[in-house]
Each structure stands twice: as C-alpha cells, then as structure tokens.
C-alpha cells in the first residue's frame, strides 16, 4: 500500500500528464472549488464514463492543494495562475488522496479490502501526528476526530477516486455494498475534520430503501451536471486546437468518429482517450470501447432485447429516439432490466448520448460496436 496522507504520487502523475504532447489545460476547475473550500465540510461527487478524465482531474486537485510538494512549477504554466486567489489556495491543505481501484492482488474479501484502506490511513495519520494517542479499536474516523480536537482543529481535504470500484468486484455481495456505503458515511458525514470531499467514479451514489447514507454529497452526473461539464471530456475548440498541434489529422475526421456527447447545458464533448489515441496514431478507429464495458452492455441487453430491439436498430441507422430519462442507473442498483433502466445504464457508461429528451448512439466509434 502506498501513502494516502499528503502523498507525492498525485503530483508526479499530474506533472507527467502536463508534459504529454496532447495535454489539455483544465486547471480552471480548481477555481470552482475555491468557494467550496471556504465553506468547509462540503462534499462533491462527479461521475462520468470511463476515460473521461476523472483521474487526471483528481490528481490535479490533490497536486494543487496538498502541502506535500510545492506545485508552482506545474501550475504557474496553466490557466489557473490567472486567478487572483491562486497563491492563497495552492499547497495549503492536508490532502487524503485514495484511489479505491488500487488494491492488493491477494485481496479477496470486503473485510480485507476495507481493512487495508483503514490500516494505511491510520498508519499515515500516526506518522504525521505522533503526539496523539491511538487505541487498537480506533477507526480512521476516530483518529481523525482526535487530531481535530487535539491539534488545533486540523482539517483535511479528501480526494477519492474510483469510489464505485468495488461494486464491480466478484467478491462483493449486497451486504458488503451497504457496509461500504456506511464506511464512507462514517468517515465523512458530519465530521468536523472534513474541509472538502471531492469524489469521482463511473456510477452515481447508491440509494437504499432508507435513503442514502451519503446524502450530504452534491452530485454532478453525466446526465445532470450543469456546473463541471466542460472539464470532463474535450470540448470542440480543444479538439480543433489539438488537431492544429498535430498538423496531420483533419478535425472533420475526428468529428465524424468521436463527436456526439453533450453536457447538460448542450456543450459538445469528446471522449479524451479516443481523441488522443487517434492523434498519437494519426488514425481514427475505435479506441475507447476496448476498455471492457461493452460486455456489461451486452449483459443488460439480453434481458430485454425484444422491447428495445427496434429502437436500437433505429439508433444504429442514425436516428434519435424520443424518450424521457429521469432516473439514473446507480451503484448497487442491480442489473437493469426495464427499457428505461437499460438506457439509463448505457448513458451512465457512455454508450448512448442523451440530450433534450432525445437518445442516440453518439458517434461512429460506438456505432461500429
């Protein structure tokens, strides 16, 4: 296990991204978080399909805020440096950065998985605050609360990536999923030591019969995010600029292959992985779908192929389907089986595009699949 508290890993990873030939500067997202940090005890969850830049943004936030490494050498070259409060927030916070997808190969149970996370976090806290007393049965939340009380009300920023990763693991059962939601709630909800939680994943937060234990989160989903939409995925102007940077690829080719997603406010966005791979290879083909998610969609479709077959055929032919999708597919919901549940899951996973009441296959890349 690596380090969670004020780790230098997010800095190193984001620095590497900024040196890539097709890096796109999305650092103005940070300015959106400044008021959230000021308010304190705020919780944000941003969910997007695979390969839409969630992890890059999480690393950017941790690198910018963490006390661990002076990140001015990175951010002084980026757009956020134009913000008047740039120096006020840079490298001023204790950041607990956890990527929930990073688990030991030997991990084969929920208790082992969550136990390693708790043990690592408590280890980091004891090392950073050796003056506090930690008891054998203390949880990470207990230790953090002790630090808050005994160390001048010390607060922490939590940057949590791939929050829903364990919902896809074979060793996790329904009871484990509820235990995991309770773990996050116990760690974050109504805790005085939380300055801000920034959490990302693919699936929106699970809702259980007694309501969500994580109802303190402001959720920004692929379907409804009207605030952060332009920061996840490349907007059209950015793709044009990348084509100019490349000098060989024609924007119209990339547009025909990868255009087709919309933010909730109607901004066109492109899957970053596909665009970058096409520019690297000087060739357009299906890149994003080689990430395994198509198997999930095939599994959903087999439950309801008769009811939606004709509409899928229409969409493959390039038509749009007039349908109202209000409820989003969420973590822990189980296999979607009704038509709207399947469509909702396919939107969340990025296989269908939905905007203004119309559903369609977003682009040529997905059409081929």
Protein backbone atom coordinates (compact mmCIF):
# COMPACT_ATOMS: atom_id res chain seq x y z
CA UNK A 1 0.00 0.00 0.00
CA UNK A 2 1.19 3.49 -0.78
CA UNK A 3 0.64 6.63 1.20
CA UNK A 4 -2.74 8.38 1.44
CA UNK A 5 -1.98 11.49 3.50
CA UNK A 6 -0.17 14.22 1.56
CA UNK A 7 1.17 11.74 -0.96
CA UNK A 8 3.53 12.95 -3.68
CA UNK A 9 2.05 10.47 -6.17
CA UNK A 10 -0.78 12.73 -7.49
CA UNK A 11 1.81 15.46 -8.10
CA UNK A 12 4.07 13.10 -10.03
CA UNK A 13 1.19 11.70 -12.10
CA UNK A 14 -0.27 15.10 -12.96
CA UNK A 15 3.15 16.52 -13.78
CA UNK A 16 3.57 13.63 -16.23
CA UNK A 17 0.22 14.47 -17.84
CA UNK A 18 1.16 18.13 -18.34
CA UNK A 19 4.24 17.04 -20.28
CA UNK A 20 2.26 14.95 -22.77
CA UNK A 21 2.06 16.34 -26.35
CA UNK A 22 -1.76 16.38 -26.32
CA UNK A 23 -2.31 17.68 -22.80
CA UNK A 24 -5.36 19.94 -22.40
CA UNK A 25 -5.35 22.52 -19.60
CA UNK A 26 -8.47 22.07 -17.44
CA UNK A 27 -7.00 23.79 -14.39
CA UNK A 28 -9.78 26.39 -14.14
CA UNK A 29 -11.80 23.63 -12.48
CA UNK A 30 -9.79 24.49 -9.37
CA UNK A 31 -11.34 27.95 -9.19
CA UNK A 32 -14.77 26.30 -8.99
CA UNK A 33 -13.60 24.59 -5.80
CA UNK A 34 -12.27 27.67 -4.00
CA UNK A 35 -15.72 28.69 -2.62
CA UNK A 36 -16.34 25.05 -1.63
CA UNK A 37 -13.12 25.03 0.38
CA UNK A 38 -14.07 28.32 2.04
CA UNK A 39 -17.45 26.97 3.12
CA UNK A 40 -15.94 23.87 4.74
CA UNK A 41 -17.49 20.45 5.31
CA UNK A 42 -18.68 20.30 1.69
CA UNK A 43 -18.95 17.11 -0.37
CA UNK A 44 -18.88 16.82 -4.18
CA UNK A 45 -19.30 13.67 -6.26
CA UNK A 46 -18.63 13.84 -10.02
CA UNK A 47 -19.46 10.75 -12.10
CA UNK A 48 -18.55 10.16 -15.75
CA UNK A 49 -17.99 7.20 -18.10
CA UNK A 50 -14.60 5.55 -18.40
CA UNK A 51 -11.78 7.57 -19.93
CA UNK A 52 -13.37 11.00 -19.46
CA UNK A 53 -10.51 12.45 -17.42
CA UNK A 54 -11.78 11.81 -13.88
CA UNK A 55 -8.48 10.51 -12.51
CA UNK A 56 -6.44 13.27 -14.15
CA UNK A 57 -8.66 15.88 -12.50
CA UNK A 58 -8.42 14.13 -9.12
CA UNK A 59 -4.62 14.11 -9.36
CA UNK A 60 -4.66 17.76 -10.41
CA UNK A 61 -6.72 18.75 -7.36
CA UNK A 62 -4.55 16.77 -4.94
CA UNK A 63 -1.34 18.14 -6.50
CA UNK A 64 -2.59 21.72 -6.29
CA UNK A 65 -3.94 21.63 -2.73
CA UNK A 66 -1.55 19.30 -0.91
CA UNK A 67 1.12 20.63 1.43
CA UNK A 68 3.45 17.81 0.39
CA UNK A 69 5.07 19.31 -2.73
CA UNK A 70 5.31 22.89 -3.98
CA UNK A 71 3.41 22.57 -7.26
CA UNK A 72 4.02 26.09 -8.56
CA UNK A 73 6.39 24.67 -11.20
CA UNK A 74 3.37 22.91 -12.75
CA UNK A 75 0.53 25.35 -12.24
CA UNK A 76 2.39 28.59 -12.98
CA UNK A 77 2.24 27.48 -16.66
CA UNK A 78 -1.51 26.79 -16.57
CA UNK A 79 -4.69 28.88 -16.76
CA UNK A 80 -5.37 28.80 -13.01
CA UNK A 81 -2.40 31.08 -12.38
CA UNK A 82 -4.51 33.97 -13.73
CA UNK A 83 -6.89 33.59 -10.77
CA UNK A 84 -6.25 36.23 -8.10
CA UNK A 85 -6.55 33.60 -5.35
CA UNK A 86 -4.04 31.23 -6.95
CA UNK A 87 -1.41 31.57 -4.19
CA UNK A 88 -3.99 31.65 -1.41
CA UNK A 89 -5.08 28.04 -2.06
CA UNK A 90 -2.03 26.39 -3.61
CA UNK A 91 -0.38 23.77 -1.38
CA UNK A 92 -2.15 24.92 1.78
CA UNK A 93 -4.09 21.77 2.77
CA UNK A 94 -3.73 18.32 4.26
CA UNK A 95 -4.95 16.08 1.45
CA UNK A 96 -6.04 12.48 1.91
CA UNK A 97 -5.95 11.00 -1.59
CA UNK A 98 -7.35 7.48 -2.08
CA UNK A 99 -7.74 5.62 -5.37
CA UNK A 100 -10.16 2.84 -4.45
CA UNK A 101 -9.18 0.82 -7.53
CA UNK A 102 -5.65 0.29 -6.22
CA UNK A 103 -5.99 -2.94 -4.26
CA UNK A 104 -3.67 -5.81 -3.45
CA UNK A 105 -3.78 -8.79 -5.81
CA UNK A 106 -4.24 -11.01 -2.78
CA UNK A 107 -7.37 -9.15 -1.67
CA UNK A 108 -10.36 -11.48 -1.95
CA UNK A 109 -12.88 -10.20 0.61
CA UNK A 110 -14.58 -6.96 1.58
CA UNK A 111 -13.11 -7.01 5.09
CA UNK A 112 -9.61 -7.42 3.66
CA UNK A 113 -10.19 -4.61 1.15
CA UNK A 114 -11.57 -2.05 3.58
CA UNK A 115 -9.23 -3.21 6.34
CA UNK A 116 -6.15 -2.39 4.25
CA UNK A 117 -7.55 1.07 3.48
CA UNK A 118 -8.22 1.81 7.17
CA UNK A 119 -4.84 0.43 8.25
CA UNK A 120 -2.94 2.51 5.69
CA UNK A 121 -4.78 5.72 6.56
CA UNK A 122 -4.30 5.23 10.32
CA UNK A 123 -0.60 4.46 9.73
CA UNK A 124 -0.18 7.73 7.82
CA UNK A 125 -2.00 9.73 10.50
CA UNK A 126 0.06 8.24 13.33
CA UNK A 127 3.26 9.04 11.45
CA UNK A 128 2.21 12.65 10.79
CA UNK A 129 0.77 13.22 14.28
CA UNK A 130 2.90 11.10 16.64
CA UNK A 131 1.69 13.09 19.65
CA UNK A 132 -1.85 11.70 19.53
CA UNK A 133 -2.91 8.52 21.30
CA UNK A 134 -4.40 5.83 19.06
CA UNK A 135 -6.26 2.85 20.51
CA UNK A 136 -6.38 -0.62 18.99
CA UNK A 137 -10.06 -0.49 18.09
CA UNK A 138 -10.00 3.07 16.71
CA UNK A 139 -11.33 3.60 13.20
CA UNK A 140 -9.75 6.10 10.82
CA UNK A 141 -12.64 8.45 11.64
CA UNK A 142 -11.86 8.16 15.36
CA UNK A 143 -8.21 9.05 14.77
CA UNK A 144 -9.09 11.99 12.52
CA UNK A 145 -11.52 13.33 15.12
CA UNK A 146 -8.85 13.04 17.82
CA UNK A 147 -6.45 15.01 15.61
CA UNK A 148 -9.09 17.69 15.09
CA UNK A 149 -9.68 18.02 18.83
CA UNK A 150 -6.05 17.88 19.95
CA UNK A 151 -4.19 19.54 17.07
CA UNK A 152 -5.70 22.99 16.74
CA UNK A 153 -8.78 21.85 14.80
CA UNK A 154 -6.75 20.40 11.95
CA UNK A 155 -8.89 19.74 8.84
CA UNK A 156 -8.44 17.58 5.76
CA UNK A 157 -9.37 17.57 2.07
CA UNK A 158 -10.42 14.14 0.81
CA UNK A 159 -9.81 13.33 -2.87
CA UNK A 160 -11.43 9.95 -3.54
CA UNK A 161 -11.12 8.39 -7.00
CA UNK A 162 -12.96 5.33 -8.39
CA UNK A 163 -15.32 5.35 -5.42
CA UNK A 164 -17.59 2.70 -7.02
CA UNK A 165 -14.79 0.29 -8.00
CA UNK A 166 -15.75 -2.41 -5.51
CA UNK A 167 -19.31 -2.58 -6.87
CA UNK A 168 -17.79 -4.39 -9.88
CA UNK A 169 -15.77 -6.95 -7.89
CA UNK A 170 -16.88 -10.58 -7.71
CA UNK A 171 -16.10 -10.94 -4.01
CA UNK A 172 -18.51 -8.13 -3.02
CA UNK A 173 -22.07 -9.11 -2.05
CA UNK A 174 -25.11 -6.91 -1.41
CA UNK A 175 -24.42 -6.66 2.32
CA UNK A 176 -20.82 -5.61 1.60
CA UNK A 177 -22.10 -2.79 -0.63
CA UNK A 178 -24.21 -1.44 2.21
CA UNK A 179 -21.26 -1.80 4.60
CA UNK A 180 -19.09 0.16 2.19
CA UNK A 181 -21.61 2.99 1.94
CA UNK A 182 -21.72 3.02 5.76
CA UNK A 183 -17.91 3.15 5.88
CA UNK A 184 -17.84 6.25 3.65
CA UNK A 185 -20.64 7.83 5.65
CA UNK A 186 -18.87 7.18 8.95
CA UNK A 187 -15.64 8.63 7.57
CA UNK A 188 -17.12 11.78 6.01
CA UNK A 189 -20.65 12.67 7.13
CA UNK A 190 -20.99 15.42 9.74
CA UNK A 191 -17.30 15.21 10.61
CA UNK A 192 -15.67 18.47 11.77
CA UNK A 193 -12.31 17.49 10.26
CA UNK A 194 -13.63 17.50 6.67
CA UNK A 195 -12.70 20.66 4.76
CA UNK A 196 -13.95 19.22 1.48
CA UNK A 197 -14.59 15.85 -0.14
CA UNK A 198 -14.03 15.56 -3.88
CA UNK A 199 -15.13 12.12 -5.07
CA UNK A 200 -15.30 10.61 -8.55
CA UNK A 201 -16.43 7.38 -10.17
CA UNK A 202 -18.48 5.95 -13.01
CA UNK A 203 -21.74 5.24 -11.19
CA UNK A 204 -23.79 7.77 -9.23
CA UNK A 205 -24.16 7.16 -5.49
CA UNK A 206 -26.25 4.18 -4.41
CA UNK A 207 -29.68 4.82 -2.95
CA UNK A 208 -31.05 2.30 -0.48
CA UNK A 209 -34.55 1.91 0.91
CA UNK A 210 -33.79 4.02 3.98
CA UNK A 211 -32.36 6.81 1.84
CA UNK A 212 -28.70 7.34 1.09
CA UNK A 213 -26.18 7.40 3.90
CA UNK A 214 -24.23 9.69 1.58
CA UNK A 215 -26.97 12.27 1.08
CA UNK A 216 -24.56 15.06 2.09
CA UNK A 217 -22.98 14.86 -1.38
CA UNK A 218 -23.81 17.31 -4.14
CA UNK A 219 -23.86 15.01 -7.18
CA UNK A 220 -22.80 16.09 -10.66
CA UNK A 221 -23.65 13.28 -13.05
CA UNK A 222 -23.26 12.83 -16.81
CA UNK A 223 -27.00 13.40 -17.19
CA UNK A 224 -27.48 16.40 -14.92
CA UNK A 225 -24.18 18.22 -14.30
CA UNK A 226 -24.66 21.87 -15.25
CA UNK A 227 -21.53 23.14 -13.49
CA UNK A 228 -18.49 21.00 -14.28
CA UNK A 229 -19.47 19.62 -17.69
CA UNK A 230 -16.75 21.31 -19.77
CA UNK A 231 -13.95 19.96 -17.54
CA UNK A 232 -14.63 16.30 -18.33
CA UNK A 233 -14.05 15.42 -21.95
CA UNK A 234 -12.64 17.70 -24.63
CA UNK A 235 -14.86 20.46 -25.99
CA UNK A 236 -14.88 21.15 -29.73
CA UNK A 237 -12.47 24.10 -29.59
CA UNK A 238 -9.96 21.98 -27.70
CA UNK A 239 -10.14 19.18 -30.28
CA UNK A 240 -9.58 21.70 -33.10
CA UNK A 241 -6.55 23.10 -31.28
CA UNK A 242 -5.16 19.58 -30.77
CA UNK A 243 -5.56 18.87 -34.49
CA UNK A 244 -3.63 22.04 -35.25
CA UNK A 245 -0.95 20.93 -32.79
CA UNK A 246 -0.78 17.55 -34.54
CA UNK A 247 -0.54 19.05 -38.05
CA UNK A 248 -1.57 15.85 -39.82
CA UNK A 249 -5.05 14.94 -38.64
CA UNK A 250 -8.13 16.65 -40.06
CA UNK A 251 -10.65 17.87 -37.48
CA UNK A 252 -13.57 16.69 -39.63
CA UNK A 253 -12.25 13.12 -39.41
CA UNK A 254 -12.12 13.23 -35.63
CA UNK A 255 -15.52 14.91 -35.53
CA UNK A 256 -17.14 12.15 -37.59
CA UNK A 257 -15.62 9.46 -35.40
CA UNK A 258 -15.84 10.84 -31.88
CA UNK A 259 -18.33 13.71 -31.76
CA UNK A 260 -21.75 13.13 -30.20
CA UNK A 261 -21.81 13.61 -26.43
CA UNK A 262 -23.42 16.63 -24.79
CA UNK A 263 -23.17 18.22 -21.35
CA UNK A 264 -26.45 19.00 -19.59
CA UNK A 265 -26.11 22.58 -20.90
CA UNK A 266 -25.66 21.47 -24.51
CA UNK A 267 -21.87 21.77 -24.88
CA UNK A 268 -20.45 19.13 -27.24
CA UNK A 269 -17.80 16.94 -25.61
CA UNK A 270 -15.48 14.25 -26.94
CA UNK A 271 -14.04 11.24 -25.15
CA UNK A 272 -10.43 12.30 -24.44
CA UNK A 273 -8.88 8.84 -24.72
CA UNK A 274 -10.19 8.30 -28.24
CA UNK A 275 -9.12 11.72 -29.46
CA UNK A 276 -5.62 11.42 -28.01
CA UNK A 277 -5.10 7.87 -29.33
CA UNK A 278 -6.22 8.96 -32.81
CA UNK A 279 -3.79 11.89 -32.74
CA UNK A 280 -0.95 9.71 -31.46
CA UNK A 281 -1.54 7.14 -34.20
CA UNK A 282 -2.65 9.60 -36.91
CA UNK A 283 -5.54 7.22 -37.48
CA UNK A 284 -9.19 7.12 -36.44
CA UNK A 285 -10.64 3.86 -35.17
CA UNK A 286 -12.48 2.59 -32.11
CA UNK A 287 -10.21 3.09 -29.10
CA UNK A 288 -12.44 3.82 -26.13
CA UNK A 289 -14.62 0.73 -26.39
CA UNK A 290 -11.61 -1.53 -25.90
CA UNK A 291 -11.98 -0.99 -22.14
CA UNK A 292 -14.31 -3.90 -21.39
CA UNK A 293 -17.55 -2.05 -20.73
CA UNK A 294 -19.22 -3.46 -23.85
CA UNK A 295 -19.55 -6.78 -22.03
CA UNK A 296 -21.72 -5.07 -19.42
CA UNK A 297 -23.99 -3.61 -22.09
CA UNK A 298 -24.35 -7.00 -23.79
CA UNK A 299 -25.37 -8.45 -20.44
CA UNK A 300 -28.07 -5.79 -19.98
CA UNK A 301 -29.47 -6.15 -23.48
CA UNK A 302 -30.08 -9.87 -23.17
CA UNK A 303 -32.72 -9.21 -20.52
CA UNK A 304 -34.86 -7.01 -22.72
CA UNK A 305 -33.84 -7.42 -26.34
CA UNK A 306 -37.40 -7.76 -27.64
CA UNK A 307 -38.70 -4.50 -26.19
CA UNK A 308 -35.80 -2.30 -27.29
CA UNK A 309 -34.59 -4.11 -30.40
CA UNK A 310 -36.44 -1.91 -32.90
CA UNK A 311 -35.26 1.28 -31.20
CA UNK A 312 -31.67 0.05 -31.14
CA UNK A 313 -31.94 -0.70 -34.88
CA UNK A 314 -33.22 2.86 -35.45
CA UNK A 315 -30.31 4.32 -33.47
CA UNK A 316 -27.80 2.19 -35.39
CA UNK A 317 -29.31 3.70 -38.53
CA UNK A 318 -28.50 7.15 -37.13
CA UNK A 319 -31.95 8.04 -35.79
CA UNK A 320 -32.72 9.66 -32.45
CA UNK A 321 -35.25 8.16 -30.01
CA UNK A 322 -37.70 10.45 -28.24
CA UNK A 323 -37.69 9.29 -24.60
CA UNK A 324 -37.69 10.85 -21.13
CA UNK A 325 -34.94 9.53 -18.84
CA UNK A 326 -35.21 10.98 -15.33
CA UNK A 327 -33.69 8.34 -13.05
CA UNK A 328 -30.03 7.44 -13.41
CA UNK A 329 -28.55 3.99 -13.06
CA UNK A 330 -26.70 3.91 -9.74
CA UNK A 331 -24.13 1.86 -7.86
CA UNK A 332 -25.70 -1.12 -6.11
CA UNK A 333 -28.90 -0.96 -8.14
CA UNK A 334 -28.55 -4.46 -9.58
CA UNK A 335 -28.80 -5.48 -13.22
CA UNK A 336 -31.04 -3.06 -15.19
CA UNK A 337 -33.91 -4.91 -16.88
CA UNK A 338 -36.63 -2.45 -17.93
CA UNK A 339 -36.13 -0.42 -21.09
CA UNK A 340 -35.53 2.86 -19.28
CA UNK A 341 -33.20 1.22 -16.76
CA UNK A 342 -31.10 -0.24 -19.59
CA UNK A 343 -31.00 3.07 -21.44
CA UNK A 344 -30.07 4.88 -18.23
CA UNK A 345 -27.20 2.43 -17.58
CA UNK A 346 -25.95 2.83 -21.16
CA UNK A 347 -25.97 6.64 -20.77
CA UNK A 348 -24.05 6.44 -17.49
CA UNK A 349 -21.49 4.08 -19.07
CA UNK A 350 -21.14 6.35 -22.12
CA UNK A 351 -22.65 4.06 -24.78
CA UNK A 352 -25.60 6.33 -25.51
CA UNK A 353 -25.85 10.11 -25.68
CA UNK A 354 -28.88 11.86 -24.17
CA UNK A 355 -29.80 15.50 -24.51
CA UNK A 356 -33.05 17.47 -24.50
CA UNK A 357 -35.25 14.36 -24.47
CA UNK A 358 -33.51 12.57 -27.35
CA UNK A 359 -31.42 9.43 -27.14
CA UNK A 360 -28.90 8.33 -29.76
CA UNK A 361 -25.71 6.42 -30.37
CA UNK A 362 -23.20 9.27 -30.02
CA UNK A 363 -20.72 8.62 -32.82
CA UNK A 364 -19.14 6.30 -35.37
CA UNK A 365 -16.88 4.74 -32.75
CA UNK A 366 -19.86 3.47 -30.78
CA UNK A 367 -21.94 2.77 -33.88
CA UNK A 368 -19.48 0.12 -35.02
CA UNK A 369 -19.77 -1.68 -31.72
